[in-house]
């Protein structure tokens, strides 16, 4: 579902709760709610895990199109003495979006071992909810 569809869905819910509100007003309210969610950096994801509400700036920063994937990986840190499982959700030549087993203890720099791929040195670029974006170095 794209942003337009989400605005329509919220507008329908507003109309059900307040039948006296016009369709145009409900859509305006819904759009304002989504803008506020973007400003607060709240993340709404669809059933596939893709972000539905995203500001244009974050989309523009990405140089390469991410390829959706679902591969098992290992985060290796502390001089190779510690390991943590992760899921690789998106992948490019320059980085990845991953879901570590425990985001709270995931370090800022680590080595990522993706199943059937070479080791990659990584630097965390962002953290959101249970996911993080990494740049390969």
C-alpha atoms as a PDB file:
ATOM      1  CA  UNK A   1       0.000   0.000   0.000  1.00  0.00           C
ATOM      2  CA  UNK A   2       1.419   3.372  -0.965  1.00  0.00           C
ATOM      3  CA  UNK A   3       0.987   6.696   0.829  1.00  0.00           C
ATOM      4  CA  UNK A   4      -2.114   7.619  -1.185  1.00  0.00           C
ATOM      5  CA  UNK A   5      -3.783   4.334  -0.244  1.00  0.00           C
ATOM      6  CA  UNK A   6      -2.892   4.815   3.410  1.00  0.00           C
ATOM      7  CA  UNK A   7      -4.407   8.326   3.408  1.00  0.00           C
ATOM      8  CA  UNK A   8      -7.604   6.842   1.944  1.00  0.00           C
ATOM      9  CA  UNK A   9      -7.679   4.093   4.569  1.00  0.00           C
ATOM     10  CA  UNK A  10      -7.268   6.564   7.444  1.00  0.00           C
ATOM     11  CA  UNK A  11      -9.881   8.873   5.882  1.00  0.00           C
ATOM     12  CA  UNK A  12     -12.409   6.005   5.799  1.00  0.00           C
ATOM     13  CA  UNK A  13     -11.731   5.317   9.489  1.00  0.00           C
ATOM     14  CA  UNK A  14     -12.231   9.018  10.310  1.00  0.00           C
ATOM     15  CA  UNK A  15     -15.535   9.066   8.396  1.00  0.00           C
ATOM     16  CA  UNK A  16     -16.755   5.961  10.250  1.00  0.00           C
ATOM     17  CA  UNK A  17     -15.970   7.534  13.602  1.00  0.00           C
ATOM     18  CA  UNK A  18     -17.361  10.946  12.664  1.00  0.00           C
ATOM     19  CA  UNK A  19     -19.991  10.649   9.917  1.00  0.00           C
ATOM     20  CA  UNK A  20     -20.499  14.437   9.777  1.00  0.00           C
ATOM     21  CA  UNK A  21     -16.925  14.986   8.551  1.00  0.00           C
ATOM     22  CA  UNK A  22     -16.760  15.444   4.770  1.00  0.00           C
ATOM     23  CA  UNK A  23     -14.600  13.138   2.668  1.00  0.00           C
ATOM     24  CA  UNK A  24     -12.300  16.040   1.728  1.00  0.00           C
ATOM     25  CA  UNK A  25     -11.837  17.016   5.388  1.00  0.00           C
ATOM     26  CA  UNK A  26     -11.173  13.399   6.380  1.00  0.00           C
ATOM     27  CA  UNK A  27      -8.482  13.104   3.673  1.00  0.00           C
ATOM     28  CA  UNK A  28      -6.905  16.398   4.796  1.00  0.00           C
ATOM     29  CA  UNK A  29      -6.819  15.182   8.401  1.00  0.00           C
ATOM     30  CA  UNK A  30      -5.371  11.829   7.327  1.00  0.00           C
ATOM     31  CA  UNK A  31      -2.655  13.497   5.249  1.00  0.00           C
ATOM     32  CA  UNK A  32      -1.759  15.789   8.163  1.00  0.00           C
ATOM     33  CA  UNK A  33      -1.505  12.774  10.484  1.00  0.00           C
ATOM     34  CA  UNK A  34       0.899  11.047   8.068  1.00  0.00           C
ATOM     35  CA  UNK A  35       3.016  14.206   7.725  1.00  0.00           C
ATOM     36  CA  UNK A  36       3.309  14.381  11.519  1.00  0.00           C
ATOM     37  CA  UNK A  37       4.294  10.710  11.656  1.00  0.00           C
ATOM     38  CA  UNK A  38       7.063  11.350   9.132  1.00  0.00           C
ATOM     39  CA  UNK A  39       8.231  14.405  11.101  1.00  0.00           C
ATOM     40  CA  UNK A  40       8.369  12.284  14.273  1.00  0.00           C
ATOM     41  CA  UNK A  41      10.201   9.561  12.326  1.00  0.00           C
ATOM     42  CA  UNK A  42       7.536   6.981  13.173  1.00  0.00           C
ATOM     43  CA  UNK A  43       7.686   3.979  10.929  1.00  0.00           C
ATOM     44  CA  UNK A  44       4.662   2.165   9.512  1.00  0.00           C
ATOM     45  CA  UNK A  45       5.461  -1.001   7.642  1.00  0.00           C
ATOM     46  CA  UNK A  46       3.292  -3.187   5.454  1.00  0.00           C
ATOM     47  CA  UNK A  47       3.039  -6.952   5.880  1.00  0.00           C
ATOM     48  CA  UNK A  48       6.269  -7.428   3.890  1.00  0.00           C
ATOM     49  CA  UNK A  49       8.232  -5.139   6.215  1.00  0.00           C
ATOM     50  CA  UNK A  50       8.591  -2.273   3.716  1.00  0.00           C
ATOM     51  CA  UNK A  51       8.134   1.245   5.070  1.00  0.00           C
ATOM     52  CA  UNK A  52       4.855   2.829   3.960  1.00  0.00           C
ATOM     53  CA  UNK A  53       5.464   6.316   5.352  1.00  0.00           C
ATOM     54  CA  UNK A  54       8.838   7.665   4.336  1.00  0.00           C
ATOM     55  CA  UNK A  55      10.078  11.185   3.861  1.00  0.00           C
ATOM     56  CA  UNK A  56      11.475  12.115   0.468  1.00  0.00           C
ATOM     57  CA  UNK A  57      14.883  13.000   1.913  1.00  0.00           C
ATOM     58  CA  UNK A  58      15.605   9.453   3.059  1.00  0.00           C
ATOM     59  CA  UNK A  59      14.662   8.080  -0.350  1.00  0.00           C
ATOM     60  CA  UNK A  60      16.933  10.615  -2.079  1.00  0.00           C
ATOM     61  CA  UNK A  61      19.999   9.781   0.041  1.00  0.00           C
ATOM     62  CA  UNK A  62      20.181   6.241  -1.277  1.00  0.00           C
ATOM     63  CA  UNK A  63      22.460   6.014  -4.307  1.00  0.00           C
ATOM     64  CA  UNK A  64      21.664   2.427  -5.189  1.00  0.00           C
ATOM     65  CA  UNK A  65      18.344   0.632  -5.333  1.00  0.00           C
ATOM     66  CA  UNK A  66      18.101  -1.933  -2.571  1.00  0.00           C
ATOM     67  CA  UNK A  67      17.261  -5.486  -3.563  1.00  0.00           C
ATOM     68  CA  UNK A  68      14.815  -7.164  -1.209  1.00  0.00           C
ATOM     69  CA  UNK A  69      16.171 -10.376   0.190  1.00  0.00           C
ATOM     70  CA  UNK A  70      15.665 -12.580   3.199  1.00  0.00           C
ATOM     71  CA  UNK A  71      18.951 -14.235   4.054  1.00  0.00           C
ATOM     72  CA  UNK A  72      20.458 -15.470   7.270  1.00  0.00           C
ATOM     73  CA  UNK A  73      23.573 -13.689   8.480  1.00  0.00           C
ATOM     74  CA  UNK A  74      25.975 -13.400  11.392  1.00  0.00           C
ATOM     75  CA  UNK A  75      27.197 -10.207  13.044  1.00  0.00           C
ATOM     76  CA  UNK A  76      30.773 -10.760  14.228  1.00  0.00           C
ATOM     77  CA  UNK A  77      32.288  -8.277  16.708  1.00  0.00           C
ATOM     78  CA  UNK A  78      34.705  -7.804  19.623  1.00  0.00           C
ATOM     79  CA  UNK A  79      37.674  -9.095  17.673  1.00  0.00           C
ATOM     80  CA  UNK A  80      35.736 -12.108  16.383  1.00  0.00           C
ATOM     81  CA  UNK A  81      35.021 -13.306  19.928  1.00  0.00           C
ATOM     82  CA  UNK A  82      31.277 -12.504  19.782  1.00  0.00           C
ATOM     83  CA  UNK A  83      28.598 -13.409  17.258  1.00  0.00           C
ATOM     84  CA  UNK A  84      24.915 -12.628  16.836  1.00  0.00           C
ATOM     85  CA  UNK A  85      22.381 -13.900  14.301  1.00  0.00           C
ATOM     86  CA  UNK A  86      20.609 -11.505  11.971  1.00  0.00           C
ATOM     87  CA  UNK A  87      18.303 -11.395   8.978  1.00  0.00           C
ATOM     88  CA  UNK A  88      19.393  -9.475   5.888  1.00  0.00           C
ATOM     89  CA  UNK A  89      16.270  -7.743   4.563  1.00  0.00           C
ATOM     90  CA  UNK A  90      17.676  -5.537   1.775  1.00  0.00           C
ATOM     91  CA  UNK A  91      21.033  -5.606   0.034  1.00  0.00           C
ATOM     92  CA  UNK A  92      23.078  -3.421  -2.340  1.00  0.00           C
ATOM     93  CA  UNK A  93      26.720  -3.339  -3.365  1.00  0.00           C
ATOM     94  CA  UNK A  94      27.272  -0.568  -0.807  1.00  0.00           C
ATOM     95  CA  UNK A  95      25.222  -1.696   2.180  1.00  0.00           C
ATOM     96  CA  UNK A  96      22.290  -3.535   3.692  1.00  0.00           C
ATOM     97  CA  UNK A  97      19.233  -3.277   5.908  1.00  0.00           C
ATOM     98  CA  UNK A  98      19.406  -5.921   8.602  1.00  0.00           C
ATOM     99  CA  UNK A  99      17.460  -7.101  11.625  1.00  0.00           C
ATOM    100  CA  UNK A 100      19.855  -8.237  14.361  1.00  0.00           C
ATOM    101  CA  UNK A 101      18.792 -10.693  17.056  1.00  0.00           C
ATOM    102  CA  UNK A 102      19.375  -7.969  19.682  1.00  0.00           C
ATOM    103  CA  UNK A 103      19.612  -4.405  18.391  1.00  0.00           C
ATOM    104  CA  UNK A 104      20.463  -3.100  21.880  1.00  0.00           C
ATOM    105  CA  UNK A 105      23.873  -4.785  21.988  1.00  0.00           C
ATOM    106  CA  UNK A 106      24.689  -4.509  18.289  1.00  0.00           C
ATOM    107  CA  UNK A 107      27.913  -2.461  17.961  1.00  0.00           C
ATOM    108  CA  UNK A 108      28.471   0.485  15.607  1.00  0.00           C
ATOM    109  CA  UNK A 109      31.106  -1.420  13.614  1.00  0.00           C
ATOM    110  CA  UNK A 110      31.220  -5.142  12.938  1.00  0.00           C
ATOM    111  CA  UNK A 111      31.839  -7.811  10.321  1.00  0.00           C
ATOM    112  CA  UNK A 112      28.774  -9.204   8.545  1.00  0.00           C
ATOM    113  CA  UNK A 113      28.780 -12.752   7.248  1.00  0.00           C
ATOM    114  CA  UNK A 114      25.876 -13.281   4.874  1.00  0.00           C
ATOM    115  CA  UNK A 115      25.079 -16.830   3.918  1.00  0.00           C
ATOM    116  CA  UNK A 116      26.915 -17.772   0.678  1.00  0.00           C
ATOM    117  CA  UNK A 117      28.754 -14.390   0.556  1.00  0.00           C
ATOM    118  CA  UNK A 118      32.160 -13.076   1.608  1.00  0.00           C
ATOM    119  CA  UNK A 119      32.721 -11.282   4.909  1.00  0.00           C
ATOM    120  CA  UNK A 120      31.841  -7.552   4.853  1.00  0.00           C
ATOM    121  CA  UNK A 121      33.132  -4.852   7.211  1.00  0.00           C
ATOM    122  CA  UNK A 122      30.142  -2.723   8.246  1.00  0.00           C
ATOM    123  CA  UNK A 123      29.420   0.640   9.808  1.00  0.00           C
ATOM    124  CA  UNK A 124      25.945   1.361  11.209  1.00  0.00           C
ATOM    125  CA  UNK A 125      24.414   4.373   9.455  1.00  0.00           C
ATOM    126  CA  UNK A 126      20.956   4.361  11.080  1.00  0.00           C
ATOM    127  CA  UNK A 127      18.824   2.483  13.609  1.00  0.00           C
ATOM    128  CA  UNK A 128      15.031   2.322  13.558  1.00  0.00           C
ATOM    129  CA  UNK A 129      12.892   0.051  15.723  1.00  0.00           C
ATOM    130  CA  UNK A 130      14.412  -3.447  15.360  1.00  0.00           C
ATOM    131  CA  UNK A 131      16.317  -2.754  12.128  1.00  0.00           C
ATOM    132  CA  UNK A 132      19.487  -0.992  11.154  1.00  0.00           C
ATOM    133  CA  UNK A 133      21.127   0.177   7.971  1.00  0.00           C
ATOM    134  CA  UNK A 134      24.788  -0.523   7.388  1.00  0.00           C
ATOM    135  CA  UNK A 135      27.372   0.711   4.914  1.00  0.00           C
ATOM    136  CA  UNK A 136      29.963  -1.711   3.667  1.00  0.00           C
ATOM    137  CA  UNK A 137      33.537  -0.413   4.064  1.00  0.00           C
END
